[in-house]
Every structure is written in structure tokens, then in C-alpha cells.
Amino acid sequence: MRKGILALIVVAAFIAGAAAGFGGGYYKYVAAPRKQAVEMAKKQQEEMNKMVRHGTITAVEPDKLTLKVEKGGGDIGQTITLATNEFTSIQVGMNFVDKPGQKADLTKWFKAGDTIDALVKDGQALALHREPRPGDEGQQGQVSALLGGQPSSNNGQAAQTQGPKK
């Protein structure tokens, strides 16, 4: 009888140890990293919300633009000037229109009265976006140059290269 009780205690201790080890490992390698990732994502989202500006352009120069802020950040209702550099991304519609590492001429893509979204940090525009105007379709094809290809005129539509399926 004593051997049976002793064996039961040993098996129960083994099961309890395995469960505690599994639970500790799960928390260390799954639950805790997930919790940290959620906290980091919230912090980054708050920082991003402070950086985003939405407004109307009042003046454009080749390397900077002036924006009347309507939404975002702490500048609502103010007019701010945004400088750009060769790392500023410019997007018209869904297409990036500037080449990485080359400073773009803002007067080519923006004009006073355009409504834009900007990602701003310390007065520096990190990214600029506006919706396409009517007649912008011809300029949209310049995006493929980012990947080293030739500018295309297919406006983002993939060419049909496969024959009919049988």
C-alpha cells in the first residue's frame, strides 16, 4: 500500500513540475513577448499620430512647402513650413513618384491648394501624399523607375503574359 501511495505522489509531483515548466515557458516565450509587442505598438501608434498632418498647401518651393494644418499633431489651425531632403518619399495616389536618394522638385508634384497628408518629424517631411488630380495619369507611370525598370505607361495594371487557360 505504501509503495502505491509513494508512486502516486512521485507521478503527481512529476505532472505538477511539467505543468509549471510548461506554464512558465509559455509565459516567458509567448505571453510576455506578446504583451511587450502590444505595448510597443501602442507607443509607436501614439508617436505616429503626433507626426501625421493633413492640410492644404499654401505655398510650394522646390525643396519646401507651406501647409495650413487641418488635422493631426498639435498644429491644427496653424501654418507650418516643411523642408524635404533626398530621403523624403513622395506619393501621388498609390504610386511613389520620386527616386530614392534623389531630392525631388516639389513644384513638379504639388501646387498651392492641394490637400495633402504629411509625415513630419522636427519640421522635416518624411513622407508626402496627395490624391491624383485629373490628368495625372501620364505621370503615374514613372514609379517603375524605383525598381530600376523603365517608366511604364500602364498605370499600375499588370500586363497579361499568359495565354488562355485550357
Protein backbone atom coordinates (compact mmCIF):
# COMPACT_ATOMS: atom_id res chain seq x y z
CA MET A 1 0.00 0.00 0.00
CA ARG A 2 2.79 2.39 0.88
CA LYS A 3 4.53 1.78 -2.45
CA GLY A 4 1.34 2.69 -4.31
CA ILE A 5 0.90 5.95 -2.40
CA LEU A 6 4.59 6.79 -2.89
CA ALA A 7 4.33 6.10 -6.63
CA LEU A 8 1.21 8.27 -6.84
CA ILE A 9 2.99 11.13 -5.05
CA VAL A 10 6.00 10.85 -7.40
CA VAL A 11 3.77 10.83 -10.50
CA ALA A 12 1.73 13.77 -9.18
CA ALA A 13 4.94 15.74 -8.47
CA PHE A 14 6.21 14.95 -11.97
CA ILE A 15 2.93 16.14 -13.55
CA ALA A 16 2.89 19.30 -11.39
CA GLY A 17 6.51 20.07 -12.34
CA ALA A 18 5.82 19.53 -16.03
CA ALA A 19 2.74 21.78 -15.87
CA ALA A 20 4.67 24.50 -14.02
CA GLY A 21 7.52 24.26 -16.52
CA PHE A 22 5.16 24.45 -19.48
CA GLY A 23 3.26 27.38 -17.94
CA GLY A 24 6.49 29.26 -17.17
CA GLY A 25 7.86 28.63 -20.65
CA TYR A 26 4.60 29.69 -22.25
CA TYR A 27 4.61 32.93 -20.28
CA LYS A 28 8.30 33.66 -20.98
CA TYR A 29 8.30 32.84 -24.69
CA VAL A 30 4.70 33.61 -25.76
CA ALA A 31 2.65 35.70 -23.34
CA ALA A 32 5.31 38.19 -22.19
CA PRO A 33 6.66 38.95 -25.71
CA ARG A 34 3.09 39.38 -26.97
CA LYS A 35 2.34 41.82 -24.13
CA GLN A 36 5.55 43.77 -24.87
CA ALA A 37 4.72 43.89 -28.59
CA VAL A 38 1.25 45.29 -27.89
CA GLU A 39 2.70 47.96 -25.57
CA MET A 40 5.35 48.88 -28.15
CA ALA A 41 2.75 49.05 -30.93
CA LYS A 42 0.59 51.41 -28.85
CA LYS A 43 3.59 53.63 -28.13
CA GLN A 44 4.59 53.71 -31.81
CA GLN A 45 1.00 54.45 -32.86
CA GLU A 46 0.83 57.39 -30.45
CA GLU A 47 4.13 58.72 -31.82
CA MET A 48 2.90 58.26 -35.38
CA ASN A 49 -0.35 60.09 -34.63
CA LYS A 50 1.71 63.04 -33.40
CA MET A 51 3.71 63.04 -36.67
CA VAL A 52 0.83 62.95 -39.18
CA ARG A 53 -0.50 66.23 -40.61
CA HIS A 54 -3.38 66.74 -43.03
CA GLY A 55 -4.00 70.09 -44.66
CA THR A 56 -3.95 72.40 -47.64
CA ILE A 57 -0.78 73.67 -49.28
CA THR A 58 -0.47 77.46 -49.32
CA ALA A 59 2.96 77.76 -51.00
CA VAL A 60 5.37 75.43 -52.80
CA GLU A 61 9.10 75.80 -53.42
CA PRO A 62 11.42 73.19 -54.95
CA ASP A 63 12.65 71.98 -51.54
CA LYS A 64 9.91 73.04 -49.10
CA LEU A 65 6.21 73.65 -48.84
CA THR A 66 3.92 75.58 -46.55
CA LEU A 67 0.91 73.76 -45.15
CA LYS A 68 -2.22 75.00 -43.38
CA VAL A 69 -2.85 72.13 -40.95
CA GLU A 70 -6.44 70.90 -40.66
CA LYS A 71 -5.89 67.61 -38.78
CA GLY A 72 -3.17 65.82 -36.87
CA GLY A 73 -0.43 66.61 -34.40
CA GLY A 74 -0.59 69.68 -32.20
CA ASP A 75 -0.55 72.14 -35.12
CA ILE A 76 -4.25 72.24 -36.01
CA GLY A 77 -5.15 75.64 -37.44
CA GLN A 78 -1.51 76.68 -37.80
CA THR A 79 0.56 77.19 -40.92
CA ILE A 80 3.82 75.23 -40.93
CA THR A 81 6.72 75.03 -43.37
CA LEU A 82 8.04 71.57 -44.18
CA ALA A 83 11.54 71.03 -45.52
CA THR A 84 12.37 67.99 -47.65
CA ASN A 85 15.55 66.12 -48.46
CA GLU A 86 16.61 63.18 -50.60
CA PHE A 87 15.02 60.75 -48.13
CA THR A 88 11.53 62.27 -48.31
CA SER A 89 9.07 59.92 -50.02
CA ILE A 90 6.52 61.49 -52.35
CA GLN A 91 3.37 59.57 -53.19
CA VAL A 92 0.61 60.51 -55.61
CA GLY A 93 -2.35 58.19 -55.24
CA MET A 94 -0.91 54.71 -54.72
CA ASN A 95 2.35 55.38 -56.57
CA PHE A 96 5.67 56.69 -55.32
CA VAL A 97 6.83 59.30 -57.80
CA ASP A 98 10.31 60.18 -56.56
CA LYS A 99 13.52 58.22 -56.85
CA PRO A 100 15.19 57.08 -53.61
CA GLY A 101 18.30 59.07 -52.74
CA GLN A 102 17.48 61.94 -55.12
CA LYS A 103 15.95 65.17 -53.95
CA ALA A 104 12.65 65.76 -55.78
CA ASP A 105 11.38 69.09 -57.09
CA LEU A 106 8.17 69.63 -55.13
CA THR A 107 6.81 72.11 -57.69
CA LYS A 108 6.51 69.20 -60.14
CA TRP A 109 4.13 67.24 -57.89
CA PHE A 110 2.40 69.82 -55.69
CA LYS A 111 0.73 73.20 -56.12
CA ALA A 112 -0.99 75.68 -53.82
CA GLY A 113 -4.47 74.47 -52.96
CA ASP A 114 -3.61 70.75 -52.99
CA THR A 115 -4.78 68.77 -49.98
CA ILE A 116 -2.02 66.52 -48.67
CA ASP A 117 -1.09 64.17 -45.88
CA ALA A 118 2.40 64.55 -44.45
CA LEU A 119 4.52 62.56 -42.03
CA VAL A 120 6.52 65.20 -40.16
CA LYS A 121 9.33 65.00 -37.61
CA ASP A 122 11.08 68.12 -36.32
CA GLY A 123 9.94 70.28 -39.25
CA GLN A 124 11.22 67.72 -41.75
CA ALA A 125 8.77 66.00 -44.10
CA LEU A 126 9.48 62.27 -44.07
CA ALA A 127 6.65 61.44 -46.48
CA LEU A 128 4.17 63.46 -48.55
CA HIS A 129 0.99 62.12 -50.12
CA ARG A 130 -1.78 63.59 -52.24
CA GLU A 131 -4.58 62.09 -54.26
CA PRO A 132 -4.13 62.24 -58.05
CA ARG A 133 -5.63 65.16 -59.90
CA PRO A 134 -7.50 64.69 -63.18
CA GLY A 135 -4.81 64.47 -65.87
CA ASP A 136 -2.15 62.96 -63.56
CA GLU A 137 -2.37 59.55 -65.22
CA GLY A 138 0.60 60.28 -67.51
CA GLN A 139 2.88 60.99 -64.56
CA GLN A 140 1.87 57.90 -62.63
CA GLY A 141 3.92 55.59 -64.88
CA GLN A 142 7.23 56.92 -63.56
CA VAL A 143 7.01 54.71 -60.48
CA SER A 144 8.68 51.66 -62.01
CA ALA A 145 11.95 53.59 -62.13
CA LEU A 146 12.20 52.92 -58.39
CA LEU A 147 12.87 49.27 -59.11
CA GLY A 148 15.41 50.02 -61.82
CA GLY A 149 12.94 49.48 -64.64
CA GLN A 150 11.89 51.81 -67.38
CA PRO A 151 8.95 54.12 -66.77
CA SER A 152 5.78 52.43 -67.85
CA SER A 153 2.52 53.83 -69.08
CA ASN A 154 0.23 51.03 -67.95
CA ASN A 155 -0.85 52.95 -64.82
CA GLY A 156 -0.14 50.09 -62.44
CA GLN A 157 -2.01 47.37 -64.30
CA ALA A 158 -0.15 44.13 -64.81
CA ALA A 159 0.39 43.03 -68.38
CA GLN A 160 -1.27 39.81 -69.49
CA THR A 161 1.61 37.48 -70.30
CA GLN A 162 -0.10 34.14 -70.02
CA GLY A 163 -2.14 32.62 -72.78
CA PRO A 164 -5.66 31.32 -72.34
CA LYS A 165 -6.02 28.53 -69.80
CA LYS A 166 -7.02 25.15 -71.12
